[in-house]
């Protein structure tokens, strides 16, 4: 499955998972360890997948979010591929508000931020601050970034 296909088929993943009620549907060959870790990540955890385009980040993220939803978690998947750095901060702020609301009510809250673009240091600092705040609400945060955006990873360490 191509990355763009996995975004379009997110609703189909959820529907099929609900019908089959089987984790076998969510088998992942590209990075089994990364996949299984994201399925079991505890509250407040930030999981970052940094890889070149086409390496399966989107597939891992959408599949994990779909499985976590099937398991009863509140989930949200956001694709930032067409967002400018300022828009990313705004969208992360929206996610923070969503997480603050949902984490009070849900068993577990999981957000996935895919294709966060590379940007300058000021924007990276804003994004990392918001990502940490999202995590502090109790949500698991799954991030998919390309190597060009590794400034986010460096600041999160």
Protein backbone atom coordinates (compact mmCIF):
# COMPACT_ATOMS: atom_id res chain seq x y z
CA UNK A 1 0.00 0.00 0.00
CA UNK A 2 1.34 3.42 -0.93
CA UNK A 3 1.39 6.16 1.72
CA UNK A 4 -1.25 8.23 -0.10
CA UNK A 5 -3.50 5.17 -0.34
CA UNK A 6 -3.29 4.57 3.40
CA UNK A 7 -4.54 8.09 4.14
CA UNK A 8 -7.50 7.68 1.81
CA UNK A 9 -8.31 4.27 3.21
CA UNK A 10 -8.24 5.22 6.91
CA UNK A 11 -12.02 4.90 7.25
CA UNK A 12 -11.89 1.57 5.40
CA UNK A 13 -9.22 0.35 7.84
CA UNK A 14 -11.47 1.17 10.78
CA UNK A 15 -14.50 -0.42 9.18
CA UNK A 16 -12.66 -3.59 8.18
CA UNK A 17 -10.99 -3.85 11.59
CA UNK A 18 -14.36 -3.54 13.31
CA UNK A 19 -15.74 -6.33 11.10
CA UNK A 20 -12.81 -8.70 11.51
CA UNK A 21 -11.91 -7.84 15.13
CA UNK A 22 -8.50 -9.29 14.37
CA UNK A 23 -5.05 -7.84 14.91
CA UNK A 24 -3.85 -10.02 12.02
CA UNK A 25 -5.48 -7.49 9.70
CA UNK A 26 -2.94 -4.96 10.92
CA UNK A 27 0.19 -6.93 10.10
CA UNK A 28 3.10 -4.65 9.24
CA UNK A 29 6.17 -5.90 7.43
CA UNK A 30 8.13 -2.65 7.17
CA UNK A 31 8.85 -2.10 10.83
CA UNK A 32 7.28 -4.69 13.09
CA UNK A 33 9.02 -3.34 16.19
CA UNK A 34 7.89 0.24 15.58
CA UNK A 35 4.39 -0.98 14.86
CA UNK A 36 4.07 -3.12 17.98
CA UNK A 37 5.57 -0.40 20.17
CA UNK A 38 3.04 2.17 18.98
CA UNK A 39 0.20 -0.27 19.67
CA UNK A 40 1.28 -0.56 23.31
CA UNK A 41 2.67 2.94 23.98
CA UNK A 42 1.57 4.26 27.39
CA UNK A 43 0.06 7.66 28.20
CA UNK A 44 2.31 10.69 27.78
CA UNK A 45 4.56 8.82 25.32
CA UNK A 46 5.89 10.53 22.18
CA UNK A 47 6.82 8.06 19.45
CA UNK A 48 8.70 9.46 16.44
CA UNK A 49 9.16 7.67 13.12
CA UNK A 50 11.85 9.41 11.09
CA UNK A 51 12.40 7.89 7.66
CA UNK A 52 12.67 8.78 4.00
CA UNK A 53 9.45 9.15 1.99
CA UNK A 54 8.04 5.82 0.87
CA UNK A 55 9.41 3.86 3.84
CA UNK A 56 5.99 3.17 5.39
CA UNK A 57 5.59 5.88 8.05
CA UNK A 58 2.04 6.72 7.02
CA UNK A 59 1.06 3.07 6.84
CA UNK A 60 2.40 2.45 10.34
CA UNK A 61 0.72 5.55 11.76
CA UNK A 62 -2.71 5.04 10.18
CA UNK A 63 -2.73 1.35 11.04
CA UNK A 64 -1.76 1.98 14.66
CA UNK A 65 -4.41 4.68 15.02
CA UNK A 66 -7.03 2.38 13.50
CA UNK A 67 -6.11 -0.47 15.83
CA UNK A 68 -6.03 1.80 18.89
CA UNK A 69 -9.52 3.06 17.93
CA UNK A 70 -10.72 -0.53 17.63
CA UNK A 71 -9.29 -1.16 21.11
CA UNK A 72 -11.46 1.64 22.49
CA UNK A 73 -9.03 4.57 22.51
CA UNK A 74 -9.99 8.05 21.33
CA UNK A 75 -7.88 8.65 18.21
CA UNK A 76 -7.14 11.33 15.68
CA UNK A 77 -4.94 11.24 12.58
CA UNK A 78 -3.65 14.48 11.05
CA UNK A 79 -1.71 14.73 7.79
CA UNK A 80 0.48 17.85 7.67
CA UNK A 81 1.92 17.24 4.18
CA UNK A 82 0.32 20.33 2.62
CA UNK A 83 0.76 22.61 5.64
CA UNK A 84 3.05 25.58 5.95
CA UNK A 85 5.00 25.93 9.24
CA UNK A 86 2.55 28.52 10.65
CA UNK A 87 -0.37 26.29 9.75
CA UNK A 88 1.33 23.37 11.51
CA UNK A 89 1.48 25.30 14.77
CA UNK A 90 -2.20 26.26 14.41
CA UNK A 91 -3.19 22.67 13.71
CA UNK A 92 -1.11 21.41 16.63
CA UNK A 93 -2.89 23.97 18.81
CA UNK A 94 -6.24 22.56 17.62
CA UNK A 95 -4.98 19.06 18.47
CA UNK A 96 -3.97 20.26 21.94
CA UNK A 97 -7.50 21.54 22.56
CA UNK A 98 -8.98 18.27 21.26
CA UNK A 99 -6.65 16.21 23.47
CA UNK A 100 -7.38 18.30 26.53
CA UNK A 101 -11.09 17.66 26.03
CA UNK A 102 -10.83 13.97 25.09
CA UNK A 103 -8.19 12.90 27.62
CA UNK A 104 -10.57 13.71 30.48
CA UNK A 105 -13.18 11.33 29.09
CA UNK A 106 -11.31 8.59 27.26
CA UNK A 107 -9.62 5.43 28.42
CA UNK A 108 -6.64 6.45 26.33
CA UNK A 109 -6.13 9.21 23.77
CA UNK A 110 -3.86 8.76 20.73
CA UNK A 111 -2.97 11.39 18.13
CA UNK A 112 -0.95 10.85 15.01
CA UNK A 113 0.79 13.75 13.27
CA UNK A 114 2.12 12.64 9.90
CA UNK A 115 4.38 14.44 7.42
CA UNK A 116 5.29 17.36 9.66
CA UNK A 117 7.37 19.57 7.34
CA UNK A 118 10.87 20.89 7.90
CA UNK A 119 10.98 24.48 9.11
CA UNK A 120 13.21 27.04 10.81
CA UNK A 121 14.27 26.92 14.46
CA UNK A 122 11.56 29.27 15.71
CA UNK A 123 8.80 27.16 14.16
CA UNK A 124 10.44 23.93 15.37
CA UNK A 125 10.48 25.32 18.92
CA UNK A 126 6.78 26.20 18.67
CA UNK A 127 5.90 22.79 17.28
CA UNK A 128 7.91 20.91 19.90
CA UNK A 129 6.36 22.99 22.68
CA UNK A 130 2.87 22.09 21.43
CA UNK A 131 3.77 18.41 20.95
CA UNK A 132 5.02 18.24 24.55
CA UNK A 133 1.85 19.95 25.79
CA UNK A 134 -0.25 17.42 23.89
CA UNK A 135 1.71 14.62 25.54
CA UNK A 136 1.22 16.19 28.98
CA UNK A 137 -2.56 15.92 28.56
CA UNK A 138 -2.05 12.16 28.78
CA UNK A 139 -2.23 11.46 25.05
CA UNK A 140 0.10 9.18 23.17
CA UNK A 141 1.63 11.20 20.32
CA UNK A 142 2.76 9.40 17.16
CA UNK A 143 4.85 11.53 14.79
CA UNK A 144 5.91 10.78 11.23
CA UNK A 145 8.71 12.96 9.90
CA UNK A 146 11.18 12.91 7.05
CA UNK A 147 14.90 13.36 7.78
CA UNK A 148 14.68 17.00 6.64
CA UNK A 149 12.47 17.67 9.70
CA UNK A 150 14.76 15.96 12.17
CA UNK A 151 15.12 19.25 14.08
CA UNK A 152 11.90 18.20 15.79
CA UNK A 153 13.47 14.93 16.85
CA UNK A 154 16.62 16.71 18.11
CA UNK A 155 14.56 19.10 20.25
CA UNK A 156 12.40 16.31 21.68
CA UNK A 157 15.41 14.37 23.00
